[in-house]
């Protein structure tokens, strides 16, 4: 038997399990979730990213797409009555975009008053409103999309 760093073949090398000096790159990947109808879920799967809300006149709505930021503990409650969900994992840059927020109270409490950025509401912790001008930018940082039916 020739001795090396790992003398026992069945044991894992535990030296990579810890970072005592804090030198490892910190990952900021983030998950967001949106509860939605089946048609929007299918559109997101097809487009491989968030899709803008279309109003009843067939135009892109000025309203933001509201998602729950799953990094908030406890996980935000979603009052939506929709039966489906989409869970999206973002990379580091996507997490930075999600963190560049404007409080909705700072724009007169109107969802449509702020044309850009991510909106937050102080009364709904974890809720983030993604403005329509950020959809494509955020979609470029999607790592994974999971879909399914909500359990009630």
Foldseek 3Di string as FASTA:
>chain_A
DDDDPDRDPVDDDCPPVDDVPPPDDDWDKWKKKAADAPVQVVVCVVVVFHDFDADPVRHGDQAFRKIFTVVDPPGFDDPDPHFKMKMWIFGRVLSVQQVFEDECVVQVVDRNSDQAGWYDYPVGPRIIGHGPVCRVVNSVGTDDMDMDTDDD
